[in-house]
Amino acid sequence: MTNLKNLAILALIFSLLTMSFTACSPLDDNSPVPTGTPPASGTWKVSYFYDKSDETSNYTGYTFEFFTDGQLIATQGSQSWNGTWTTGSDDSKNKFLINFPGIHPSSLEDMEEDWLIIEQTGSFMHFEHTSGGNGDTDILQLSKN
């Protein structure tokens, strides 16, 4: 009887440990779980990018595709870069976060921010980011292709 009791206790401990190691969080950086409205399916282009000056031309030829699971693909010609997007809230403000891990062009690095959502429709997205360092406001606008 004691062996059976010990076996039941071990099974319970194993179950609890398994659940604690496999639990996931919506803020897990490896697999973002968007909580807001996802961008409409299809491809998007940068229609305006401002970072101290108009840098929209840096995005000529780029397309962006946002997937409902938080994945993002940026394509320019025959090259593509995988990234992620997610939404969240900071100081009661809705934010849109973009990330491109690994090696990627500086134009994509410039998009990696926690953008304040100004407007988001099925064909247009307007985001702004105010720098904590110098107070400059960057603007990112995307239009559906």
Protein backbone atom coordinates (compact mmCIF):
# COMPACT_ATOMS: atom_id res chain seq x y z
CA MET A 1 0.00 0.00 0.00
CA THR A 2 2.84 2.39 0.81
CA ASN A 3 4.39 1.88 -2.66
CA LEU A 4 1.06 2.70 -4.30
CA LYS A 5 0.70 5.83 -2.17
CA ASN A 6 4.27 6.93 -3.03
CA LEU A 7 3.57 6.31 -6.72
CA ALA A 8 0.41 8.48 -6.57
CA ILE A 9 2.34 11.29 -4.86
CA LEU A 10 5.13 11.09 -7.46
CA ALA A 11 2.56 11.21 -10.29
CA LEU A 12 0.95 14.29 -8.74
CA ILE A 13 4.32 16.03 -8.33
CA PHE A 14 5.28 15.17 -11.92
CA SER A 15 1.96 16.53 -13.21
CA LEU A 16 2.38 19.80 -11.31
CA LEU A 17 5.95 20.25 -12.52
CA THR A 18 4.94 19.53 -16.12
CA MET A 19 2.16 22.12 -15.99
CA SER A 20 4.43 24.76 -14.47
CA PHE A 21 7.08 24.33 -17.17
CA THR A 22 4.63 24.33 -20.07
CA ALA A 23 2.40 27.20 -19.01
CA CYS A 24 2.69 30.14 -21.39
CA SER A 25 2.25 33.81 -20.94
CA PRO A 26 0.68 36.22 -23.46
CA LEU A 27 3.75 38.43 -23.01
CA ASP A 28 6.21 35.65 -23.97
CA ASP A 29 8.70 37.29 -26.38
CA ASN A 30 9.11 34.07 -28.37
CA SER A 31 5.46 33.76 -29.33
CA PRO A 32 3.53 37.00 -29.13
CA VAL A 33 -0.20 36.73 -28.75
CA PRO A 34 -1.86 39.80 -30.25
CA THR A 35 -4.77 41.00 -28.15
CA GLY A 36 -6.04 43.86 -30.31
CA THR A 37 -7.50 43.99 -33.77
CA PRO A 38 -5.10 42.36 -36.24
CA PRO A 39 -4.27 44.22 -39.44
CA ALA A 40 -6.41 43.16 -42.41
CA SER A 41 -5.03 40.22 -44.37
CA GLY A 42 -3.03 40.93 -47.49
CA THR A 43 0.01 43.08 -48.08
CA TRP A 44 0.70 46.55 -46.75
CA LYS A 45 3.18 49.27 -47.68
CA VAL A 46 4.69 52.15 -45.74
CA SER A 47 2.89 55.22 -47.02
CA TYR A 48 4.68 57.62 -44.64
CA PHE A 49 7.61 57.30 -42.22
CA TYR A 50 8.94 60.26 -40.26
CA ASP A 51 11.97 60.13 -37.95
CA LYS A 52 13.33 63.69 -37.63
CA SER A 53 12.69 63.96 -41.40
CA ASP A 54 10.60 62.24 -44.08
CA GLU A 55 12.19 58.79 -44.57
CA THR A 56 9.37 57.23 -46.58
CA SER A 57 11.68 56.58 -49.53
CA ASN A 58 13.66 54.10 -47.37
CA TYR A 59 10.65 51.75 -47.72
CA THR A 60 10.29 51.84 -51.51
CA GLY A 61 9.61 48.32 -52.76
CA TYR A 62 8.84 46.87 -49.32
CA THR A 63 5.64 44.98 -48.58
CA PHE A 64 4.51 43.79 -45.17
CA GLU A 65 2.18 40.93 -44.38
CA PHE A 66 0.71 40.59 -40.89
CA PHE A 67 -0.67 37.23 -39.75
CA THR A 68 -3.25 36.70 -37.00
CA ASP A 69 -0.80 34.58 -34.97
CA GLY A 70 1.55 37.55 -34.52
CA GLN A 71 3.94 36.71 -37.34
CA LEU A 72 5.08 39.39 -39.79
CA ILE A 73 6.95 39.10 -43.09
CA ALA A 74 8.69 42.06 -44.70
CA THR A 75 9.62 41.57 -48.36
CA GLN A 76 11.70 43.67 -50.72
CA GLY A 77 12.29 42.12 -54.11
CA SER A 78 13.50 38.54 -53.61
CA GLN A 79 14.54 39.08 -49.98
CA SER A 80 12.30 38.64 -46.96
CA TRP A 81 12.66 39.02 -43.20
CA ASN A 82 10.54 37.36 -40.54
CA GLY A 83 9.32 39.42 -37.65
CA THR A 84 6.56 39.61 -35.08
CA TRP A 85 3.86 42.06 -34.13
CA THR A 86 1.69 42.27 -31.06
CA THR A 87 -0.55 44.72 -29.31
CA GLY A 88 -0.68 45.79 -25.72
CA SER A 89 -1.42 48.62 -23.38
CA ASP A 90 0.99 51.01 -21.69
CA ASP A 91 -0.28 53.76 -19.38
CA SER A 92 -3.81 52.98 -20.62
CA LYS A 93 -2.76 53.65 -24.21
CA ASN A 94 -3.11 51.04 -26.95
CA LYS A 95 0.24 50.13 -28.48
CA PHE A 96 1.34 48.18 -31.57
CA LEU A 97 4.76 46.54 -31.20
CA ILE A 98 6.94 45.45 -34.13
CA ASN A 99 10.07 43.31 -33.86
CA PHE A 100 12.49 41.91 -36.45
CA PRO A 101 14.97 39.62 -34.67
CA GLY A 102 18.36 38.82 -36.14
CA ILE A 103 20.11 40.59 -39.00
CA HIS A 104 17.92 42.91 -41.03
CA PRO A 105 18.12 46.27 -42.86
CA SER A 106 18.26 49.45 -40.78
CA SER A 107 14.93 50.55 -42.25
CA LEU A 108 13.27 47.58 -40.51
CA GLU A 109 15.17 48.35 -37.30
CA ASP A 110 13.65 51.84 -37.38
CA MET A 111 10.19 50.22 -37.28
CA GLU A 112 10.98 48.32 -34.07
CA GLU A 113 9.10 50.40 -31.53
CA ASP A 114 6.11 50.32 -29.24
CA TRP A 115 3.89 52.46 -31.45
CA LEU A 116 0.90 54.36 -30.07
CA ILE A 117 -2.12 53.40 -32.18
CA ILE A 118 -3.61 56.63 -33.56
CA GLU A 119 -5.84 55.00 -36.20
CA GLN A 120 -6.29 51.43 -37.40
CA THR A 121 -8.78 50.47 -40.11
CA GLY A 122 -8.96 47.70 -42.70
CA SER A 123 -6.95 49.78 -45.17
CA PHE A 124 -4.90 52.27 -43.13
CA MET A 125 -2.81 52.26 -39.94
CA HIS A 126 -1.31 55.35 -38.28
CA PHE A 127 1.14 54.90 -35.40
CA GLU A 128 3.29 57.35 -33.45
CA HIS A 129 6.21 56.90 -31.08
CA THR A 130 7.60 59.61 -28.82
CA SER A 131 11.23 59.12 -27.90
CA GLY A 132 12.03 59.07 -24.21
CA GLY A 133 15.45 60.57 -24.88
CA ASN A 134 14.76 63.73 -26.84
CA GLY A 135 10.96 63.86 -27.08
CA ASP A 136 10.89 63.61 -30.88
CA THR A 137 7.79 61.99 -32.36
CA ASP A 138 8.23 59.35 -35.06
CA ILE A 139 5.31 58.58 -37.38
CA LEU A 140 4.58 55.32 -39.19
CA GLN A 141 1.67 55.06 -41.59
CA LEU A 142 0.86 51.89 -43.53
CA SER A 143 -1.65 51.54 -46.36
CA LYS A 144 -3.16 48.34 -47.72
CA ASN A 145 -1.89 47.41 -51.21
